[in-house]
Amino acid sequence: MLPRERVFAALEHREPDRIPWGEHSVDYNVYEDILGRPTLVQAKMRETQALWDGRRDEVVAAYKRDRLDLVRALDMDIVFVGRVPPKDYRPEPYQQMPDGTYRDAEGRTYHISATTHDLMPTEMGRTLLQTATVESVQELIDRVDQEPLPGPDDSCWELVHHAVREMGQTHFIMLLCGDLEWPRFGRTEEEGWVNLVLYPEVCSKIAELAQKRLLRELRVYAQLGVDGIMPCGDLGSSTALMASPRIYREMVFPVHKAVADEAHRLGLKVLKHCCGHVWPVVDLLADIYDAYEGIQASAGMDIKALKERVGDRLCLWGGIWHEHIIMGTPEDIREDARYAFAHAAPGGGYIMGSSHSLAVGAKAENILEMKRCRDEWGVYPIDPRRFV
């Protein structure tokens, strides 16, 4: 089978020739370890500095070259793509302060993460709106059709068009896109969660606004030649759903369903990325999505239990612990693969991947062990006697 055929088989709950593999995010260190050369792809502060320096074309060229080369080198089946900065993009550099932090034109401060090397805001809590009323959000809804929207030939889709042209006949091309998480507003993270409970009418309007924007964007995605979309938005923390299941059912699920239904009508598969503990709403996710990625085992999302509960309706994508890829050993990877392959792969409906991503700190030997397990053990029919 071609990689693209393999992924479609998994999404349609048919057994392919072998388990497909894909990731929704891969950080720069993985490209450099596997490809043996420096890169600007997901290169955190180095990528930010390159854009400040006016090197947009160099950054996009790195994405076009290295993203596809990594998929080929690891023999993955899914090519994940997204927007890139448009032509002539050159953001205003932040001012570097004497203490090593950075300040933007509005006075907000940022620091470079010692762990990921991202430029991070010092004060978290970015939400949709600082203040909102039913009337003010309705005004935004009424003006959605006048908001700028890139057309399918816009330069922000340069990576997408390149991937479709180079690998669209052989691989599954998946577009990362935005999604509604929880419809909040407020000046801080805490205020946003409180307002979700105190002002449900306003938050419902914010959900309506998100739906109108997302449906409008879908019409562009459908013209890009991709096979599917991945709406990215987390619903759970490491211990529980972030808000009440009732709030999800009443405010969020109708938006998710409307977007998924329209995407399906337009011929796109919908593969949902969602971290955290989502057991209270997993049946609702299974009702609308083709796949569920980011299955966070460390948050209690056991892939065997998921297969038993929703595996006949929802393709499960994950199985290899994110934490083990970074901090574990090849034997940890083998244990994860044994468990996931034995319990989630039989009958189809399974894609191998990290429980989150191949992130900063991911060990090359563990990633290569993922490949070995998939290549040697992931051949259908799945036979645990091969798991040695």
Protein backbone atom coordinates (compact mmCIF):
# COMPACT_ATOMS: atom_id res chain seq x y z
CA MET A 1 0.00 0.00 0.00
CA LEU A 2 1.01 3.60 -0.50
CA PRO A 3 1.19 5.67 2.72
CA ARG A 4 -1.94 7.60 1.73
CA GLU A 5 -3.90 4.37 1.19
CA ARG A 6 -2.64 3.09 4.54
CA VAL A 7 -3.97 6.12 6.41
CA PHE A 8 -7.35 6.01 4.68
CA ALA A 9 -7.65 2.33 5.59
CA ALA A 10 -6.98 3.12 9.26
CA LEU A 11 -9.48 6.00 9.27
CA GLU A 12 -12.10 3.74 7.71
CA HIS A 13 -11.44 0.92 10.20
CA ARG A 14 -9.90 -1.43 7.68
CA GLU A 15 -6.66 -3.27 8.26
CA PRO A 16 -3.88 -1.84 6.05
CA ASP A 17 -0.68 -3.70 5.22
CA ARG A 18 1.01 -2.17 8.26
CA ILE A 19 0.30 0.39 10.96
CA PRO A 20 0.59 3.96 9.61
CA TRP A 21 2.70 6.51 11.47
CA GLY A 22 2.33 10.26 11.75
CA GLU A 23 2.95 13.19 14.09
CA HIS A 24 1.23 16.55 14.36
CA SER A 25 4.32 18.42 15.55
CA VAL A 26 8.07 17.84 15.35
CA ASP A 27 10.57 20.26 16.90
CA TYR A 28 13.86 21.36 15.35
CA ASN A 29 16.12 19.02 17.32
CA VAL A 30 14.49 15.97 15.73
CA TYR A 31 15.10 17.30 12.22
CA GLU A 32 18.71 18.00 13.09
CA ASP A 33 19.31 14.61 14.71
CA ILE A 34 17.66 12.58 11.96
CA LEU A 35 18.65 14.62 8.90
CA GLY A 36 22.08 15.59 10.20
CA ARG A 37 21.86 19.31 9.38
CA PRO A 38 20.72 22.51 11.07
CA THR A 39 17.18 23.72 10.43
CA LEU A 40 14.87 26.66 11.07
CA VAL A 41 11.79 24.41 11.23
CA GLN A 42 10.05 24.83 14.59
CA ALA A 43 13.36 26.28 15.74
CA LYS A 44 11.83 28.46 18.44
CA MET A 45 13.84 31.62 19.12
CA ARG A 46 16.15 30.97 16.15
CA GLU A 47 13.14 30.97 13.83
CA THR A 48 11.75 34.10 15.49
CA GLN A 49 15.09 35.88 15.09
CA ALA A 50 15.27 34.84 11.42
CA LEU A 51 11.85 36.40 10.81
CA TRP A 52 12.88 39.56 12.67
CA ASP A 53 15.93 39.69 10.39
CA GLY A 54 13.76 39.59 7.26
CA ARG A 55 14.66 35.99 6.32
CA ARG A 56 11.09 34.82 5.71
CA ASP A 57 11.95 33.06 2.45
CA GLU A 58 14.79 31.15 4.12
CA VAL A 59 12.46 29.99 6.90
CA VAL A 60 9.79 28.82 4.44
CA ALA A 61 12.38 27.08 2.26
CA ALA A 62 13.54 25.15 5.34
CA TYR A 63 9.97 24.03 6.05
CA LYS A 64 9.46 22.91 2.46
CA ARG A 65 12.73 20.98 2.36
CA ASP A 66 13.10 19.58 5.88
CA ARG A 67 9.47 18.72 6.69
CA LEU A 68 9.21 16.48 3.63
CA ASP A 69 12.72 15.06 4.03
CA LEU A 70 11.97 14.03 7.61
CA VAL A 71 8.77 12.24 6.58
CA ARG A 72 10.76 10.37 3.96
CA ALA A 73 13.66 9.58 6.31
CA LEU A 74 11.39 8.09 8.98
CA ASP A 75 9.04 6.52 6.42
CA MET A 76 6.02 8.24 7.93
CA ASP A 77 2.64 8.14 6.22
CA ILE A 78 1.23 11.57 7.14
CA VAL A 79 2.64 14.94 6.06
CA PHE A 80 1.44 17.66 8.42
CA VAL A 81 1.34 21.18 7.03
CA GLY A 82 0.03 24.60 7.97
CA ARG A 83 0.25 28.26 7.21
CA VAL A 84 3.61 29.98 6.85
CA PRO A 85 4.33 33.71 7.06
CA PRO A 86 3.21 35.45 3.86
CA LYS A 87 5.63 36.94 1.36
CA ASP A 88 7.50 40.02 2.57
CA TYR A 89 6.60 39.25 6.19
CA ARG A 90 8.97 40.97 8.58
CA PRO A 91 7.62 41.54 12.08
CA GLU A 92 8.89 44.34 14.23
CA PRO A 93 11.65 42.94 16.49
CA TYR A 94 11.03 43.11 20.22
CA GLN A 95 13.34 45.24 22.31
CA GLN A 96 15.89 43.20 24.24
CA MET A 97 16.15 44.38 27.84
CA PRO A 98 19.29 44.39 30.01
CA ASP A 99 18.01 41.42 32.02
CA GLY A 100 17.70 39.28 28.87
CA THR A 101 13.93 39.57 28.53
CA TYR A 102 12.17 41.12 25.54
CA ARG A 103 9.47 43.80 25.30
CA ASP A 104 7.01 44.32 22.45
CA ALA A 105 5.58 47.62 21.21
CA GLU A 106 2.63 47.34 23.61
CA GLY A 107 4.91 46.90 26.61
CA ARG A 108 4.30 43.17 27.14
CA THR A 109 7.36 41.27 28.29
CA TYR A 110 8.71 37.89 27.15
CA HIS A 111 11.46 35.49 28.15
CA ILE A 112 13.21 32.61 26.40
CA SER A 113 12.19 29.27 27.89
CA ALA A 114 15.15 27.38 29.29
CA THR A 115 13.43 24.12 28.32
CA THR A 116 11.97 24.65 24.85
CA HIS A 117 13.84 27.83 23.78
CA ASP A 118 10.53 29.43 22.78
CA LEU A 119 9.95 33.14 23.28
CA MET A 120 7.28 33.03 25.96
CA PRO A 121 5.07 35.78 27.39
CA THR A 122 5.94 36.57 31.00
CA GLU A 123 2.24 36.90 31.83
CA MET A 124 0.06 34.09 30.52
CA GLY A 125 -3.67 34.25 30.01
CA ARG A 126 -4.25 35.28 26.40
CA THR A 127 -7.97 34.83 25.77
CA LEU A 128 -10.31 35.74 22.96
CA LEU A 129 -11.56 39.05 24.31
CA GLN A 130 -10.64 41.09 27.38
CA THR A 131 -14.21 42.32 27.86
CA ALA A 132 -17.38 41.19 26.13
CA THR A 133 -21.14 41.51 26.17
CA VAL A 134 -23.78 39.73 24.14
CA GLU A 135 -24.18 42.89 22.07
CA SER A 136 -20.45 43.44 21.46
CA VAL A 137 -19.90 39.85 20.36
CA GLN A 138 -22.94 40.03 18.08
CA GLU A 139 -21.36 43.04 16.39
CA LEU A 140 -18.28 40.90 15.68
CA ILE A 141 -20.47 38.12 14.31
CA ASP A 142 -22.19 40.55 11.98
CA ARG A 143 -18.80 41.68 10.63
CA VAL A 144 -17.18 38.25 10.12
CA ASP A 145 -17.74 38.27 6.36
CA GLN A 146 -15.77 41.52 6.12
CA GLU A 147 -12.75 40.13 7.98
CA PRO A 148 -9.63 39.50 5.83
CA LEU A 149 -9.30 35.89 4.75
CA PRO A 150 -6.43 34.50 2.65
CA GLY A 151 -7.49 32.92 -0.60
CA PRO A 152 -6.31 29.47 -1.67
CA ASP A 153 -3.48 30.98 -3.74
CA ASP A 154 -2.19 33.22 -0.97
CA SER A 155 1.53 32.94 -0.15
CA CYS A 156 0.70 31.74 3.38
CA TRP A 157 -0.18 28.38 1.79
CA GLU A 158 3.23 27.97 0.12
CA LEU A 159 4.18 24.96 2.27
CA VAL A 160 0.78 23.34 1.70
CA HIS A 161 0.96 23.65 -2.08
CA HIS A 162 4.53 22.33 -2.08
CA ALA A 163 3.59 19.27 -0.02
CA VAL A 164 0.53 18.52 -2.15
CA ARG A 165 2.56 18.85 -5.33
CA GLU A 166 5.53 16.76 -4.13
CA MET A 167 3.84 14.08 -2.00
CA GLY A 168 0.09 14.38 -2.45
CA GLN A 169 -0.11 11.34 -4.70
CA THR A 170 1.66 9.09 -2.22
CA HIS A 171 1.09 10.46 1.28
CA PHE A 172 -1.82 11.71 3.39
CA ILE A 173 -1.59 15.50 3.54
CA MET A 174 -3.05 16.93 6.74
CA LEU A 175 -3.62 20.62 7.37
CA LEU A 176 -3.31 21.91 10.93
CA CYS A 177 -5.96 24.51 11.70
CA GLY A 178 -7.55 26.33 14.58
CA ASP A 179 -10.50 25.18 16.64
CA LEU A 180 -12.73 26.26 19.50
CA GLU A 181 -11.47 25.11 22.88
CA TRP A 182 -13.57 26.76 25.58
CA PRO A 183 -15.33 30.07 24.76
CA ARG A 184 -13.91 32.37 27.39
CA PHE A 185 -13.12 36.04 27.83
CA GLY A 186 -11.22 38.03 30.41
CA ARG A 187 -7.99 39.83 31.20
CA THR A 188 -6.38 36.79 32.81
CA GLU A 189 -6.59 33.00 32.52
CA GLU A 190 -8.38 32.78 35.86
CA GLU A 191 -10.90 35.44 34.92
CA GLY A 192 -11.63 33.64 31.67
CA TRP A 193 -12.59 30.43 33.46
CA VAL A 194 -14.72 32.27 36.00
CA ASN A 195 -16.53 34.17 33.23
CA LEU A 196 -17.28 30.88 31.45
CA VAL A 197 -19.50 30.04 34.42
CA LEU A 198 -20.77 33.49 35.34
CA TYR A 199 -21.68 34.72 31.84
CA PRO A 200 -22.89 31.73 29.82
CA GLU A 201 -24.91 33.90 27.41
CA VAL A 202 -21.79 35.86 26.44
CA CYS A 203 -19.68 32.71 26.14
CA SER A 204 -22.32 31.07 23.96
CA LYS A 205 -22.09 34.09 21.66
CA ILE A 206 -18.30 33.72 21.56
CA ALA A 207 -18.80 30.10 20.50
CA GLU A 208 -21.17 31.28 17.76
CA LEU A 209 -18.52 33.75 16.59
CA ALA A 210 -15.89 30.99 16.48
CA GLN A 211 -18.19 28.72 14.48
CA LYS A 212 -18.87 31.36 11.84
CA ARG A 213 -15.15 32.05 11.43
CA LEU A 214 -14.20 28.36 11.31
CA LEU A 215 -16.85 27.52 8.71
CA ARG A 216 -15.68 30.43 6.56
CA GLU A 217 -12.08 29.20 6.73
CA LEU A 218 -13.13 25.66 5.77
CA ARG A 219 -14.14 26.83 2.32
CA VAL A 220 -10.52 27.84 1.71
CA TYR A 221 -9.07 24.63 3.13
CA ALA A 222 -11.20 22.57 0.78
CA GLN A 223 -9.48 24.21 -2.20
CA LEU A 224 -5.92 23.41 -1.11
CA GLY A 225 -5.80 19.76 -2.19
CA VAL A 226 -5.26 18.31 1.28
CA ASP A 227 -6.79 15.04 2.45
CA GLY A 228 -7.82 16.14 5.88
CA ILE A 229 -7.66 18.78 8.56
CA MET A 230 -6.54 18.66 12.17
CA PRO A 231 -8.42 21.10 14.41
CA CYS A 232 -6.05 21.71 17.32
CA GLY A 233 -7.48 22.59 20.70
CA ASP A 234 -7.18 21.02 24.13
CA LEU A 235 -10.19 20.19 26.26
CA GLY A 236 -8.58 18.47 29.22
CA SER A 237 -5.81 18.89 31.75
CA SER A 238 -3.65 16.08 33.08
CA THR A 239 -6.31 15.23 35.67
CA ALA A 240 -9.74 16.23 34.38
CA LEU A 241 -11.80 17.99 31.75
CA MET A 242 -11.00 21.72 31.93
CA ALA A 243 -14.66 22.63 32.36
CA SER A 244 -17.97 20.92 32.95
CA PRO A 245 -19.12 18.25 30.48
CA ARG A 246 -22.40 20.14 30.40
CA ILE A 247 -20.62 23.25 29.13
CA TYR A 248 -18.92 21.16 26.47
CA ARG A 249 -22.22 19.63 25.35
CA GLU A 250 -24.10 22.93 25.29
CA MET A 251 -21.49 25.41 24.02
CA VAL A 252 -18.60 23.59 22.37
CA PHE A 253 -19.90 20.36 20.89
CA PRO A 254 -22.39 22.07 18.53
CA VAL A 255 -19.50 24.07 17.05
CA HIS A 256 -17.26 21.01 16.73
CA LYS A 257 -20.06 19.06 15.07
CA ALA A 258 -20.96 21.84 12.64
CA VAL A 259 -17.32 22.21 11.55
CA ALA A 260 -16.77 18.45 11.23
CA ASP A 261 -20.01 17.97 9.31
CA GLU A 262 -19.12 20.74 6.87
CA ALA A 263 -15.58 19.42 6.44
CA HIS A 264 -16.96 15.98 5.63
CA ARG A 265 -19.39 17.51 3.16
CA LEU A 266 -16.41 19.17 1.47
CA GLY A 267 -14.59 15.84 1.23
CA LEU A 268 -12.11 16.29 4.09
CA LYS A 269 -11.29 13.86 6.87
CA VAL A 270 -11.23 15.43 10.35
CA LEU A 271 -8.51 14.28 12.75
CA LYS A 272 -8.88 15.98 16.12
CA HIS A 273 -5.83 16.91 18.23
CA CYS A 274 -6.75 17.11 21.88
CA CYS A 275 -4.51 16.66 24.91
CA GLY A 276 -5.57 15.82 28.42
CA HIS A 277 -8.25 13.83 30.21
CA VAL A 278 -11.40 13.75 28.06
CA TRP A 279 -13.22 10.62 29.24
CA PRO A 280 -16.40 12.57 30.10
CA VAL A 281 -16.83 13.65 26.44
CA VAL A 282 -15.02 10.93 24.48
CA ASP A 283 -18.27 9.44 23.16
CA LEU A 284 -19.20 12.84 21.74
CA LEU A 285 -15.80 13.09 20.05
CA ALA A 286 -16.40 9.66 18.53
CA ASP A 287 -19.72 10.84 17.13
CA ILE A 288 -18.16 13.49 14.90
CA TYR A 289 -14.44 12.93 14.26
CA ASP A 290 -12.56 10.44 12.10
CA ALA A 291 -9.56 10.25 14.43
CA TYR A 292 -8.47 11.35 17.88
CA GLU A 293 -4.78 12.28 18.27
CA GLY A 294 -2.83 13.30 21.32
CA ILE A 295 -4.12 10.44 23.45
CA GLN A 296 -2.43 11.42 26.70
CA ALA A 297 -1.78 8.21 28.56
CA SER A 298 -0.32 10.13 31.51
CA ALA A 299 -3.72 11.84 31.86
CA GLY A 300 -5.52 8.52 32.19
CA MET A 301 -6.43 8.08 28.52
CA ASP A 302 -5.68 4.37 28.29
CA ILE A 303 -5.64 3.28 24.65
CA LYS A 304 -6.90 -0.23 25.42
CA ALA A 305 -9.95 1.14 27.25
CA LEU A 306 -10.51 3.64 24.43
CA LYS A 307 -10.41 0.87 21.83
CA GLU A 308 -13.02 -1.07 23.78
CA ARG A 309 -15.28 1.94 24.21
CA VAL A 310 -15.04 3.92 20.94
CA GLY A 311 -12.64 1.99 18.73
CA ASP A 312 -15.38 0.91 16.34
CA ARG A 313 -16.24 4.58 15.63
CA LEU A 314 -13.04 6.54 16.17
CA CYS A 315 -9.54 5.93 14.78
CA LEU A 316 -7.06 6.14 17.67
CA TRP A 317 -3.77 7.92 16.96
CA GLY A 318 -1.00 7.70 19.53
CA GLY A 319 0.22 4.99 21.86
CA ILE A 320 3.86 5.97 22.41
CA TRP A 321 4.28 8.05 25.54
CA HIS A 322 5.58 11.57 24.91
CA GLU A 323 7.37 11.39 28.26
CA HIS A 324 9.14 8.16 27.30
CA ILE A 325 10.35 9.60 23.99
CA ILE A 326 12.08 12.40 25.92
CA MET A 327 13.09 10.79 29.21
CA GLY A 328 12.84 7.06 28.58
CA THR A 329 14.82 4.33 26.88
CA PRO A 330 14.27 2.20 23.78
CA GLU A 331 12.86 -0.48 26.07
CA ASP A 332 10.20 1.99 27.27
CA ILE A 333 9.31 2.61 23.62
CA ARG A 334 9.05 -1.12 23.02
CA GLU A 335 6.74 -1.55 26.01
CA ASP A 336 4.50 1.26 24.76
CA ALA A 337 4.43 -0.25 21.26
CA ARG A 338 3.64 -3.74 22.56
CA TYR A 339 0.68 -2.41 24.53
CA ALA A 340 -0.71 -0.13 21.82
CA PHE A 341 -0.18 -2.55 18.93
CA ALA A 342 -1.74 -5.47 20.79
CA HIS A 343 -4.80 -3.59 22.02
CA ALA A 344 -5.48 -0.78 19.51
CA ALA A 345 -4.23 -2.02 16.15
CA PRO A 346 -6.18 -5.25 15.49
CA GLY A 347 -9.09 -4.63 13.13
CA GLY A 348 -7.63 -1.35 11.93
CA GLY A 349 -8.55 2.07 13.25
CA TYR A 350 -5.09 2.80 14.67
CA ILE A 351 -2.24 5.16 13.74
CA MET A 352 1.04 5.09 15.64
CA GLY A 353 2.31 8.34 17.10
CA SER A 354 3.47 10.13 20.19
CA SER A 355 0.96 10.85 22.93
CA HIS A 356 1.70 14.49 22.10
CA SER A 357 4.57 15.28 19.71
CA LEU A 358 8.25 14.80 18.94
CA ALA A 359 9.31 17.74 21.06
CA VAL A 360 12.45 19.43 22.29
CA GLY A 361 14.41 16.80 24.19
CA ALA A 362 13.14 13.85 22.15
CA LYS A 363 15.90 11.26 21.85
CA ALA A 364 16.86 10.13 18.38
CA GLU A 365 17.37 6.54 19.52
CA ASN A 366 13.81 6.45 20.87
CA ILE A 367 12.35 7.85 17.66
CA LEU A 368 14.29 5.30 15.63
CA GLU A 369 13.00 2.59 17.96
CA MET A 370 9.45 3.73 17.20
CA LYS A 371 10.22 3.21 13.53
CA ARG A 372 11.72 -0.22 14.14
CA CYS A 373 8.72 -1.36 16.18
CA ARG A 374 6.30 -0.14 13.52
CA ASP A 375 8.31 -1.70 10.68
CA GLU A 376 8.86 -5.08 12.36
CA TRP A 377 5.84 -5.50 14.63
CA GLY A 378 3.20 -3.38 12.92
CA VAL A 379 2.61 -5.67 9.96
CA TYR A 380 -0.96 -6.96 9.62
CA PRO A 381 -2.28 -9.30 10.83
CA ILE A 382 -0.88 -8.08 14.15
CA ASP A 383 0.88 -10.93 15.96
CA PRO A 384 2.16 -10.22 19.51
CA ARG A 385 4.52 -13.18 19.17
CA ARG A 386 6.67 -10.91 16.99
CA PHE A 387 7.02 -8.34 19.77
CA VAL A 388 10.60 -9.10 20.77
